[in-house]
C-alpha cells in the first residue's frame, strides 16, 4: 500500500498552540494498484519533549487494513510537515 497524496487539506482553527488539526482527502494505492480516496481527520501534537505525535481518524471505514494505512499515513504526514507543506 502506498500513499499517493493528501488533497484538500484544511487546517481547523483551535485555541491550543501545541496542537494542530486538519481534514483532508487521502489518496491511497493498494497492492492491486487500485486507487481509493478516503476522508480523514488528523492532528499533529508537540509533546513536552519536542517530538511530534500524529493521530489519524478515518471518517468512514476503508476497504483495506486500517492499521497499515494509518502507519504509512503517519510517515507521510510527518514528512509533509518537515517540508512545510501543511501550512
N, C-alpha and C. Protein backbone atom coordinates (compact mmCIF):
# COMPACT_ATOMS: atom_id res chain seq x y z
N UNK A 1 0.84 -1.17 0.00
CA UNK A 1 0.00 0.00 0.00
C UNK A 1 0.89 1.24 0.00
N UNK A 2 0.53 2.21 -0.84
CA UNK A 2 1.29 3.45 -0.97
C UNK A 2 0.37 4.65 -0.83
N UNK A 3 0.93 5.73 -0.34
CA UNK A 3 0.20 6.99 -0.28
C UNK A 3 0.53 7.76 -1.55
N UNK A 4 -0.48 8.11 -2.30
CA UNK A 4 -0.29 8.93 -3.50
C UNK A 4 -0.27 10.40 -3.11
N UNK A 5 -1.10 10.76 -2.15
CA UNK A 5 -1.13 12.13 -1.68
C UNK A 5 -2.30 12.39 -0.76
N UNK A 6 -2.31 13.58 -0.20
CA UNK A 6 -3.44 14.05 0.60
C UNK A 6 -3.90 15.35 -0.03
N UNK A 7 -5.16 15.36 -0.48
CA UNK A 7 -5.70 16.52 -1.18
C UNK A 7 -6.64 17.30 -0.26
N UNK A 8 -6.91 18.52 -0.64
CA UNK A 8 -7.90 19.37 0.03
C UNK A 8 -7.64 19.48 1.54
N UNK A 9 -6.40 19.74 1.91
CA UNK A 9 -6.06 19.86 3.33
C UNK A 9 -6.57 21.19 3.85
N UNK A 10 -7.35 21.12 4.94
CA UNK A 10 -7.89 22.31 5.57
C UNK A 10 -7.49 22.28 7.04
N UNK A 11 -6.89 23.37 7.51
CA UNK A 11 -6.49 23.46 8.91
C UNK A 11 -7.64 24.00 9.73
N UNK A 12 -7.96 23.31 10.82
CA UNK A 12 -9.00 23.77 11.73
C UNK A 12 -8.42 24.81 12.67
N UNK A 13 -9.23 25.78 13.02
CA UNK A 13 -8.79 26.84 13.94
C UNK A 13 -9.13 26.42 15.36
N UNK A 14 -8.09 26.05 16.13
CA UNK A 14 -8.30 25.67 17.52
C UNK A 14 -7.40 26.54 18.40
N UNK A 15 -7.77 26.76 19.67
CA UNK A 15 -7.02 27.69 20.52
C UNK A 15 -5.72 27.14 21.12
N UNK A 16 -5.41 25.89 20.93
CA UNK A 16 -4.20 25.31 21.51
C UNK A 16 -3.01 25.55 20.59
N UNK A 17 -1.91 26.08 21.15
CA UNK A 17 -0.75 26.40 20.32
C UNK A 17 0.14 25.18 20.05
N UNK A 18 0.00 24.12 20.82
CA UNK A 18 0.84 22.93 20.64
C UNK A 18 0.15 21.83 19.84
N UNK A 19 -1.07 22.08 19.39
CA UNK A 19 -1.82 21.07 18.64
C UNK A 19 -2.42 21.71 17.40
N UNK A 20 -2.29 21.01 16.27
CA UNK A 20 -2.87 21.47 15.02
C UNK A 20 -3.76 20.35 14.48
N UNK A 21 -4.95 20.73 14.01
CA UNK A 21 -5.89 19.74 13.48
C UNK A 21 -6.21 20.07 12.03
N UNK A 22 -6.33 19.02 11.23
CA UNK A 22 -6.56 19.16 9.80
C UNK A 22 -7.61 18.16 9.33
N UNK A 23 -8.19 18.46 8.19
CA UNK A 23 -9.02 17.50 7.47
C UNK A 23 -8.46 17.41 6.05
N UNK A 24 -8.71 16.29 5.40
CA UNK A 24 -8.20 16.13 4.04
C UNK A 24 -8.75 14.88 3.39
N UNK A 25 -8.32 14.67 2.18
CA UNK A 25 -8.74 13.52 1.39
C UNK A 25 -7.49 12.71 1.05
N UNK A 26 -7.34 11.55 1.70
CA UNK A 26 -6.17 10.70 1.49
C UNK A 26 -6.39 9.84 0.25
N UNK A 27 -5.41 9.86 -0.64
CA UNK A 27 -5.45 9.03 -1.85
C UNK A 27 -4.41 7.92 -1.67
N UNK A 28 -4.90 6.67 -1.61
CA UNK A 28 -4.04 5.52 -1.38
C UNK A 28 -4.12 4.55 -2.55
N UNK A 29 -3.05 3.81 -2.74
CA UNK A 29 -2.96 2.81 -3.80
C UNK A 29 -2.68 1.48 -3.11
N UNK A 30 -3.58 0.49 -3.26
CA UNK A 30 -3.38 -0.78 -2.59
C UNK A 30 -2.53 -1.73 -3.45
N UNK A 31 -2.34 -2.96 -2.98
CA UNK A 31 -1.45 -3.89 -3.68
C UNK A 31 -1.99 -4.33 -5.03
N UNK A 32 -3.28 -4.13 -5.27
CA UNK A 32 -3.85 -4.46 -6.58
C UNK A 32 -3.81 -3.26 -7.52
N UNK A 33 -3.11 -2.20 -7.12
CA UNK A 33 -2.97 -0.95 -7.88
C UNK A 33 -4.31 -0.25 -8.09
N UNK A 34 -5.19 -0.38 -7.10
CA UNK A 34 -6.48 0.31 -7.15
C UNK A 34 -6.40 1.53 -6.25
N UNK A 35 -6.67 2.70 -6.82
CA UNK A 35 -6.65 3.93 -6.04
C UNK A 35 -7.97 4.10 -5.31
N UNK A 36 -7.88 4.60 -4.09
CA UNK A 36 -9.08 4.91 -3.33
C UNK A 36 -8.87 6.22 -2.58
N UNK A 37 -9.94 6.95 -2.42
CA UNK A 37 -9.91 8.23 -1.71
C UNK A 37 -10.76 8.10 -0.46
N UNK A 38 -10.21 8.56 0.66
CA UNK A 38 -10.90 8.49 1.94
C UNK A 38 -10.75 9.81 2.68
N UNK A 39 -11.84 10.28 3.24
CA UNK A 39 -11.80 11.47 4.08
C UNK A 39 -11.14 11.11 5.40
N UNK A 40 -10.20 11.95 5.81
CA UNK A 40 -9.51 11.73 7.08
C UNK A 40 -9.50 13.02 7.89
N UNK A 41 -9.34 12.85 9.18
CA UNK A 41 -9.05 13.95 10.09
C UNK A 41 -7.76 13.57 10.77
N UNK A 42 -6.83 14.51 10.87
CA UNK A 42 -5.57 14.20 11.54
C UNK A 42 -5.09 15.38 12.34
N UNK A 43 -4.27 15.08 13.32
CA UNK A 43 -3.74 16.14 14.19
C UNK A 43 -2.26 15.90 14.42
N UNK A 44 -1.56 16.99 14.61
CA UNK A 44 -0.15 16.97 14.99
C UNK A 44 -0.05 17.63 16.35
N UNK A 45 0.56 16.94 17.29
CA UNK A 45 0.70 17.49 18.63
C UNK A 45 2.16 17.44 19.05
N UNK A 46 2.65 18.57 19.53
CA UNK A 46 4.02 18.63 20.02
C UNK A 46 4.03 18.21 21.48
N UNK A 47 4.84 17.21 21.79
CA UNK A 47 4.94 16.72 23.16
C UNK A 47 5.87 17.61 23.96
N UNK A 48 5.86 17.49 25.28
CA UNK A 48 6.79 18.29 26.10
C UNK A 48 8.26 18.00 25.81
N UNK A 49 8.54 16.87 25.18
CA UNK A 49 9.93 16.50 24.87
C UNK A 49 10.37 16.99 23.49
N UNK A 50 9.49 17.68 22.76
CA UNK A 50 9.85 18.24 21.47
C UNK A 50 9.54 17.35 20.28
N UNK A 51 9.04 16.16 20.51
CA UNK A 51 8.67 15.28 19.40
C UNK A 51 7.25 15.61 18.93
N UNK A 52 6.87 15.08 17.80
CA UNK A 52 5.54 15.31 17.25
C UNK A 52 4.79 13.99 17.18
N UNK A 53 3.56 14.03 17.62
CA UNK A 53 2.72 12.84 17.62
C UNK A 53 1.58 13.06 16.63
N UNK A 54 1.32 12.08 15.79
CA UNK A 54 0.28 12.18 14.77
C UNK A 54 -0.87 11.24 15.13
N UNK A 55 -2.07 11.77 15.08
CA UNK A 55 -3.28 10.97 15.26
C UNK A 55 -4.10 11.07 13.98
N UNK A 56 -4.62 9.93 13.50
CA UNK A 56 -5.39 9.90 12.25
C UNK A 56 -6.70 9.19 12.50
N UNK A 57 -7.78 9.77 11.96
CA UNK A 57 -9.10 9.15 12.04
C UNK A 57 -9.72 9.14 10.66
N UNK A 58 -10.22 7.99 10.26
CA UNK A 58 -10.97 7.88 9.02
C UNK A 58 -12.43 8.21 9.34
N UNK A 59 -13.06 9.05 8.52
CA UNK A 59 -14.46 9.37 8.77
C UNK A 59 -15.38 8.23 8.36
N UNK A 60 -14.90 7.36 7.48
CA UNK A 60 -15.63 6.17 7.05
C UNK A 60 -14.60 5.03 6.96
N UNK A 61 -14.98 3.85 7.39
CA UNK A 61 -14.05 2.73 7.39
C UNK A 61 -13.61 2.39 5.96
N UNK A 62 -12.30 2.32 5.71
CA UNK A 62 -11.81 1.99 4.36
C UNK A 62 -11.95 0.50 4.07
N UNK A 63 -11.74 0.13 2.81
CA UNK A 63 -11.86 -1.26 2.36
C UNK A 63 -10.54 -2.03 2.44
N UNK A 64 -9.60 -1.57 3.22
CA UNK A 64 -8.31 -2.22 3.32
C UNK A 64 -7.86 -2.16 4.77
N UNK A 65 -6.78 -2.83 5.13
CA UNK A 65 -6.33 -2.85 6.53
C UNK A 65 -6.06 -1.45 7.08
N UNK A 66 -6.78 -1.09 8.11
CA UNK A 66 -6.70 0.26 8.67
C UNK A 66 -5.36 0.51 9.35
N UNK A 67 -4.84 -0.46 10.07
CA UNK A 67 -3.59 -0.26 10.81
C UNK A 67 -2.45 0.03 9.85
N UNK A 68 -2.37 -0.69 8.76
CA UNK A 68 -1.32 -0.44 7.77
C UNK A 68 -1.49 0.94 7.14
N UNK A 69 -2.73 1.32 6.84
CA UNK A 69 -2.98 2.63 6.24
C UNK A 69 -2.59 3.75 7.19
N UNK A 70 -2.92 3.61 8.46
CA UNK A 70 -2.57 4.63 9.45
C UNK A 70 -1.06 4.75 9.58
N UNK A 71 -0.36 3.63 9.59
CA UNK A 71 1.10 3.65 9.73
C UNK A 71 1.77 4.40 8.58
N UNK A 72 1.36 4.12 7.34
CA UNK A 72 2.00 4.80 6.22
C UNK A 72 1.55 6.26 6.11
N UNK A 73 0.31 6.56 6.52
CA UNK A 73 -0.14 7.95 6.50
C UNK A 73 0.59 8.79 7.55
N UNK A 74 0.89 8.22 8.71
CA UNK A 74 1.64 8.95 9.73
C UNK A 74 3.01 9.36 9.21
N UNK A 75 3.70 8.42 8.55
CA UNK A 75 5.02 8.74 7.99
C UNK A 75 4.90 9.83 6.92
N UNK A 76 3.88 9.73 6.09
CA UNK A 76 3.68 10.70 5.02
C UNK A 76 3.38 12.09 5.59
N UNK A 77 2.54 12.15 6.61
CA UNK A 77 2.17 13.43 7.22
C UNK A 77 3.37 14.07 7.91
N UNK A 78 4.17 13.28 8.60
CA UNK A 78 5.37 13.84 9.24
C UNK A 78 6.35 14.38 8.20
N UNK A 79 6.48 13.70 7.08
CA UNK A 79 7.34 14.19 6.00
C UNK A 79 6.79 15.49 5.43
N UNK A 80 5.48 15.56 5.22
CA UNK A 80 4.88 16.80 4.73
C UNK A 80 5.10 17.96 5.69
N UNK A 81 5.01 17.68 6.98
CA UNK A 81 5.19 18.72 8.00
C UNK A 81 6.63 19.21 8.01
N UNK A 82 7.59 18.30 7.88
CA UNK A 82 9.01 18.67 7.87
C UNK A 82 9.34 19.52 6.65
N UNK A 83 8.67 19.24 5.52
CA UNK A 83 8.91 20.00 4.29
C UNK A 83 8.10 21.29 4.25
N UNK A 84 7.25 21.53 5.24
CA UNK A 84 6.46 22.75 5.29
C UNK A 84 5.26 22.78 4.37
N UNK A 85 4.73 21.61 3.99
CA UNK A 85 3.62 21.54 3.06
C UNK A 85 2.24 21.58 3.73
N UNK A 86 2.19 21.61 5.05
CA UNK A 86 0.91 21.63 5.74
C UNK A 86 0.42 23.06 6.03
N UNK A 87 1.28 24.04 5.78
CA UNK A 87 0.90 25.41 6.18
C UNK A 87 0.68 26.29 4.98
